[in-house]
Amino acid sequence: MSVPTQIDMTGIGVQIAWDDGRICTYPYRYLRLQCACAACVEEMTGRPLLNISAVPDDIIAADHLLVGKYAVQFLWTDGHDSGIYPFEMLLRLAANDSAVICEGE
């Protein structure tokens, strides 16, 4: 599995350089809406709990933290910071969702 070599906050989103040479940009609001933490998704049923309309259009990730060797946690400008984004999930989004813009594939 690929791992990030660099994570940057750009004007349009979180840009991740992967060790396989790809550089993928995940738009901020798109990425915030993918959060799967217990406050955003009901743990037992998988039912979405996040009120999408409450997420500002101009939200950005103010910072990030690496979680072990498998995920990244973002600190969002709406105050949300409990979600983790496993590398596997980020790679799946890059491969399957046209909202994520990748170069070097």
N, C-alpha and C. Protein backbone atom coordinates (compact mmCIF):
# COMPACT_ATOMS: atom_id res chain seq x y z
N MET A 1 0.84 -1.19 0.00
CA MET A 1 0.00 0.00 0.00
C MET A 1 0.88 1.25 0.00
N SER A 2 0.47 2.22 -0.75
CA SER A 2 1.19 3.50 -0.81
C SER A 2 1.01 4.26 0.49
N VAL A 3 2.00 5.08 0.80
CA VAL A 3 1.93 5.96 1.96
C VAL A 3 2.31 7.37 1.51
N PRO A 4 1.82 8.38 2.22
CA PRO A 4 2.17 9.76 1.85
C PRO A 4 3.63 10.05 2.13
N THR A 5 4.23 10.82 1.22
CA THR A 5 5.58 11.32 1.47
C THR A 5 5.53 12.80 1.86
N GLN A 6 4.41 13.46 1.50
CA GLN A 6 4.23 14.86 1.86
C GLN A 6 2.73 15.18 1.84
N ILE A 7 2.30 16.02 2.78
CA ILE A 7 0.91 16.48 2.84
C ILE A 7 0.95 17.99 2.97
N ASP A 8 0.27 18.68 2.03
CA ASP A 8 0.26 20.14 2.03
C ASP A 8 -1.17 20.64 1.94
N MET A 9 -1.44 21.78 2.56
CA MET A 9 -2.71 22.46 2.43
C MET A 9 -2.54 23.51 1.33
N THR A 10 -3.28 23.37 0.24
CA THR A 10 -3.15 24.29 -0.89
C THR A 10 -4.36 25.22 -0.93
N GLY A 11 -4.45 26.03 -1.96
CA GLY A 11 -5.57 26.94 -2.10
C GLY A 11 -6.89 26.24 -2.36
N ILE A 12 -6.84 25.02 -2.87
CA ILE A 12 -8.09 24.32 -3.21
C ILE A 12 -8.35 23.05 -2.41
N GLY A 13 -7.31 22.53 -1.75
CA GLY A 13 -7.54 21.31 -1.00
C GLY A 13 -6.26 20.74 -0.41
N VAL A 14 -6.43 19.56 0.17
CA VAL A 14 -5.30 18.84 0.74
C VAL A 14 -4.59 18.12 -0.40
N GLN A 15 -3.30 18.41 -0.55
CA GLN A 15 -2.51 17.76 -1.60
C GLN A 15 -1.60 16.73 -0.95
N ILE A 16 -1.74 15.48 -1.40
CA ILE A 16 -0.93 14.39 -0.85
C ILE A 16 -0.04 13.84 -1.95
N ALA A 17 1.27 13.84 -1.68
CA ALA A 17 2.23 13.17 -2.56
C ALA A 17 2.40 11.76 -2.01
N TRP A 18 2.07 10.77 -2.85
CA TRP A 18 2.16 9.37 -2.45
C TRP A 18 3.51 8.81 -2.89
N ASP A 19 3.97 7.78 -2.20
CA ASP A 19 5.29 7.22 -2.49
C ASP A 19 5.36 6.48 -3.84
N ASP A 20 4.22 6.31 -4.52
CA ASP A 20 4.24 5.70 -5.85
C ASP A 20 4.36 6.74 -6.96
N GLY A 21 4.53 8.02 -6.57
CA GLY A 21 4.73 9.08 -7.54
C GLY A 21 3.49 9.91 -7.84
N ARG A 22 2.32 9.45 -7.41
CA ARG A 22 1.10 10.22 -7.65
C ARG A 22 1.02 11.39 -6.68
N ILE A 23 0.46 12.48 -7.17
CA ILE A 23 0.15 13.63 -6.32
C ILE A 23 -1.34 13.88 -6.49
N CYS A 24 -2.09 13.76 -5.39
CA CYS A 24 -3.55 13.88 -5.44
C CYS A 24 -4.02 15.05 -4.59
N THR A 25 -4.96 15.80 -5.15
CA THR A 25 -5.55 16.92 -4.42
C THR A 25 -6.99 16.58 -4.10
N TYR A 26 -7.30 16.64 -2.81
CA TYR A 26 -8.63 16.35 -2.29
C TYR A 26 -9.27 17.67 -1.89
N PRO A 27 -10.30 18.14 -2.60
CA PRO A 27 -10.93 19.41 -2.24
C PRO A 27 -11.37 19.40 -0.77
N TYR A 28 -11.19 20.52 -0.09
CA TYR A 28 -11.44 20.58 1.36
C TYR A 28 -12.83 20.11 1.75
N ARG A 29 -13.86 20.73 1.20
CA ARG A 29 -15.22 20.39 1.64
C ARG A 29 -15.54 18.93 1.30
N TYR A 30 -15.11 18.50 0.13
CA TYR A 30 -15.31 17.10 -0.27
C TYR A 30 -14.70 16.18 0.79
N LEU A 31 -13.46 16.46 1.19
CA LEU A 31 -12.77 15.61 2.15
C LEU A 31 -13.46 15.65 3.52
N ARG A 32 -13.88 16.84 3.93
CA ARG A 32 -14.58 16.96 5.23
C ARG A 32 -15.85 16.11 5.22
N LEU A 33 -16.56 16.07 4.10
CA LEU A 33 -17.81 15.29 4.01
C LEU A 33 -17.56 13.78 3.98
N GLN A 34 -16.31 13.36 3.80
CA GLN A 34 -15.98 11.93 3.79
C GLN A 34 -15.67 11.41 5.20
N CYS A 35 -15.69 12.27 6.19
CA CYS A 35 -15.35 11.86 7.55
C CYS A 35 -16.27 10.73 8.01
N ALA A 36 -15.67 9.69 8.56
CA ALA A 36 -16.44 8.52 9.01
C ALA A 36 -16.37 8.33 10.53
N CYS A 37 -16.05 9.40 11.27
CA CYS A 37 -15.98 9.27 12.73
C CYS A 37 -17.38 9.05 13.31
N ALA A 38 -17.43 8.70 14.59
CA ALA A 38 -18.71 8.39 15.23
C ALA A 38 -19.66 9.59 15.30
N ALA A 39 -19.13 10.80 15.22
CA ALA A 39 -20.00 11.98 15.22
C ALA A 39 -20.62 12.22 13.84
N CYS A 40 -19.99 11.66 12.79
CA CYS A 40 -20.45 11.89 11.42
C CYS A 40 -21.21 10.69 10.83
N VAL A 41 -20.94 9.50 11.35
CA VAL A 41 -21.59 8.29 10.86
C VAL A 41 -21.97 7.42 12.05
N GLU A 42 -23.21 6.95 12.08
CA GLU A 42 -23.69 6.09 13.16
C GLU A 42 -22.90 4.78 13.11
N GLU A 43 -22.25 4.44 14.21
CA GLU A 43 -21.33 3.31 14.22
C GLU A 43 -21.98 1.96 13.90
N MET A 44 -23.15 1.70 14.44
CA MET A 44 -23.77 0.39 14.28
C MET A 44 -24.45 0.21 12.93
N THR A 45 -25.02 1.27 12.38
CA THR A 45 -25.79 1.14 11.14
C THR A 45 -25.09 1.73 9.92
N GLY A 46 -24.12 2.62 10.14
CA GLY A 46 -23.47 3.29 9.03
C GLY A 46 -24.28 4.47 8.51
N ARG A 47 -25.38 4.79 9.20
CA ARG A 47 -26.25 5.90 8.78
C ARG A 47 -25.51 7.23 8.97
N PRO A 48 -25.51 8.08 7.93
CA PRO A 48 -24.86 9.39 8.06
C PRO A 48 -25.53 10.24 9.14
N LEU A 49 -24.72 10.88 9.97
CA LEU A 49 -25.21 11.79 11.00
C LEU A 49 -24.85 13.24 10.69
N LEU A 50 -23.86 13.42 9.87
CA LEU A 50 -23.37 14.77 9.55
C LEU A 50 -24.43 15.55 8.78
N ASN A 51 -24.73 16.74 9.26
CA ASN A 51 -25.63 17.65 8.55
C ASN A 51 -24.79 18.36 7.48
N ILE A 52 -24.91 17.89 6.26
CA ILE A 52 -24.08 18.39 5.16
C ILE A 52 -24.23 19.90 4.99
N SER A 53 -25.44 20.40 5.16
CA SER A 53 -25.65 21.84 4.97
C SER A 53 -24.98 22.68 6.05
N ALA A 54 -24.57 22.05 7.15
CA ALA A 54 -23.89 22.77 8.23
C ALA A 54 -22.38 22.91 7.97
N VAL A 55 -21.88 22.21 6.96
CA VAL A 55 -20.45 22.29 6.63
C VAL A 55 -20.25 23.46 5.68
N PRO A 56 -19.51 24.50 6.11
CA PRO A 56 -19.34 25.69 5.28
C PRO A 56 -18.67 25.37 3.94
N ASP A 57 -19.08 26.09 2.90
CA ASP A 57 -18.48 25.92 1.58
C ASP A 57 -17.00 26.28 1.59
N ASP A 58 -16.61 27.20 2.47
CA ASP A 58 -15.22 27.68 2.51
C ASP A 58 -14.37 26.99 3.58
N ILE A 59 -14.82 25.83 4.04
CA ILE A 59 -14.07 25.10 5.07
C ILE A 59 -12.69 24.71 4.52
N ILE A 60 -11.71 24.73 5.40
CA ILE A 60 -10.38 24.24 5.04
C ILE A 60 -9.84 23.40 6.19
N ALA A 61 -8.84 22.61 5.88
CA ALA A 61 -8.10 21.89 6.91
C ALA A 61 -6.99 22.82 7.36
N ALA A 62 -7.04 23.21 8.62
CA ALA A 62 -6.05 24.14 9.15
C ALA A 62 -4.71 23.46 9.42
N ASP A 63 -4.77 22.17 9.70
CA ASP A 63 -3.55 21.42 10.02
C ASP A 63 -3.86 19.93 9.93
N HIS A 64 -2.85 19.13 10.08
CA HIS A 64 -3.04 17.67 10.06
C HIS A 64 -2.05 17.01 11.00
N LEU A 65 -2.39 15.80 11.39
CA LEU A 65 -1.53 14.98 12.24
C LEU A 65 -1.49 13.59 11.64
N LEU A 66 -0.34 12.97 11.63
CA LEU A 66 -0.28 11.58 11.21
C LEU A 66 -0.72 10.70 12.37
N VAL A 67 -1.49 9.68 12.06
CA VAL A 67 -1.96 8.73 13.06
C VAL A 67 -1.26 7.41 12.78
N GLY A 68 -0.27 7.10 13.61
CA GLY A 68 0.53 5.89 13.37
C GLY A 68 1.12 5.93 11.97
N LYS A 69 1.14 4.76 11.33
CA LYS A 69 1.66 4.65 9.97
C LYS A 69 0.54 4.28 9.01
N TYR A 70 -0.72 4.66 9.37
CA TYR A 70 -1.84 4.19 8.56
C TYR A 70 -2.90 5.24 8.25
N ALA A 71 -2.84 6.42 8.87
CA ALA A 71 -3.92 7.38 8.67
C ALA A 71 -3.44 8.81 8.94
N VAL A 72 -4.31 9.74 8.57
CA VAL A 72 -4.07 11.16 8.84
C VAL A 72 -5.34 11.74 9.46
N GLN A 73 -5.16 12.66 10.38
CA GLN A 73 -6.26 13.34 11.05
C GLN A 73 -6.16 14.82 10.70
N PHE A 74 -7.29 15.41 10.29
CA PHE A 74 -7.30 16.81 9.91
C PHE A 74 -7.97 17.66 10.99
N LEU A 75 -7.49 18.87 11.15
CA LEU A 75 -8.08 19.84 12.06
C LEU A 75 -8.81 20.85 11.19
N TRP A 76 -10.13 20.76 11.18
CA TRP A 76 -10.97 21.55 10.27
C TRP A 76 -11.34 22.88 10.88
N THR A 77 -11.56 23.88 10.02
CA THR A 77 -11.91 25.21 10.49
C THR A 77 -13.33 25.29 11.05
N ASP A 78 -14.13 24.23 10.92
CA ASP A 78 -15.45 24.22 11.58
C ASP A 78 -15.34 23.64 12.99
N GLY A 79 -14.11 23.38 13.45
CA GLY A 79 -13.88 22.86 14.79
C GLY A 79 -13.84 21.35 14.88
N HIS A 80 -14.15 20.66 13.79
CA HIS A 80 -14.16 19.20 13.81
C HIS A 80 -12.73 18.68 13.73
N ASP A 81 -12.41 17.70 14.59
CA ASP A 81 -11.05 17.15 14.56
C ASP A 81 -10.98 15.70 15.00
N SER A 82 -12.13 15.02 15.09
CA SER A 82 -12.10 13.66 15.63
C SER A 82 -11.99 12.57 14.57
N GLY A 83 -12.13 12.92 13.31
CA GLY A 83 -12.09 11.89 12.27
C GLY A 83 -10.68 11.57 11.83
N ILE A 84 -10.46 10.30 11.52
CA ILE A 84 -9.18 9.91 10.91
C ILE A 84 -9.48 9.38 9.52
N TYR A 85 -8.54 9.59 8.63
CA TYR A 85 -8.67 9.20 7.25
C TYR A 85 -7.56 8.19 6.94
N PRO A 86 -7.89 6.90 6.98
CA PRO A 86 -6.87 5.89 6.69
C PRO A 86 -6.32 6.08 5.27
N PHE A 87 -5.02 5.81 5.11
CA PHE A 87 -4.41 5.95 3.79
C PHE A 87 -5.17 5.12 2.76
N GLU A 88 -5.60 3.91 3.16
CA GLU A 88 -6.34 3.04 2.25
C GLU A 88 -7.60 3.73 1.73
N MET A 89 -8.31 4.42 2.62
CA MET A 89 -9.52 5.15 2.22
C MET A 89 -9.18 6.28 1.25
N LEU A 90 -8.14 7.04 1.55
CA LEU A 90 -7.74 8.15 0.69
C LEU A 90 -7.34 7.66 -0.69
N LEU A 91 -6.64 6.54 -0.75
CA LEU A 91 -6.26 5.95 -2.04
C LEU A 91 -7.49 5.47 -2.80
N ARG A 92 -8.45 4.89 -2.10
CA ARG A 92 -9.69 4.43 -2.74
C ARG A 92 -10.47 5.62 -3.31
N LEU A 93 -10.54 6.71 -2.56
CA LEU A 93 -11.21 7.91 -3.06
C LEU A 93 -10.51 8.42 -4.31
N ALA A 94 -9.19 8.43 -4.30
CA ALA A 94 -8.43 8.92 -5.46
C ALA A 94 -8.68 8.05 -6.69
N ALA A 95 -8.82 6.75 -6.47
CA ALA A 95 -9.01 5.83 -7.59
C ALA A 95 -10.43 5.84 -8.13
N ASN A 96 -11.39 6.18 -7.28
CA ASN A 96 -12.81 5.98 -7.66
C ASN A 96 -13.67 7.21 -7.72
N ASP A 97 -13.13 8.38 -7.40
CA ASP A 97 -13.98 9.57 -7.35
C ASP A 97 -13.31 10.70 -8.14
N SER A 98 -14.01 11.19 -9.15
CA SER A 98 -13.45 12.24 -10.01
C SER A 98 -13.28 13.57 -9.29
N ALA A 99 -13.82 13.70 -8.07
CA ALA A 99 -13.61 14.93 -7.28
C ALA A 99 -12.15 15.07 -6.87
N VAL A 100 -11.45 13.94 -6.77
CA VAL A 100 -10.04 13.94 -6.40
C VAL A 100 -9.21 14.04 -7.67
N ILE A 101 -8.33 15.03 -7.70
CA ILE A 101 -7.52 15.29 -8.90
C ILE A 101 -6.12 14.75 -8.68
N CYS A 102 -5.72 13.77 -9.50
CA CYS A 102 -4.41 13.15 -9.35
C CYS A 102 -3.55 13.37 -10.59
N GLU A 103 -2.26 13.55 -10.35
CA GLU A 103 -1.27 13.68 -11.41
C GLU A 103 -0.24 12.57 -11.22
N GLY A 104 0.38 12.18 -12.32
CA GLY A 104 1.45 11.19 -12.24
C GLY A 104 0.97 9.77 -12.18
N GLU A 105 -0.24 9.53 -12.66
CA GLU A 105 -0.76 8.15 -12.62
C GLU A 105 -0.27 7.37 -13.80
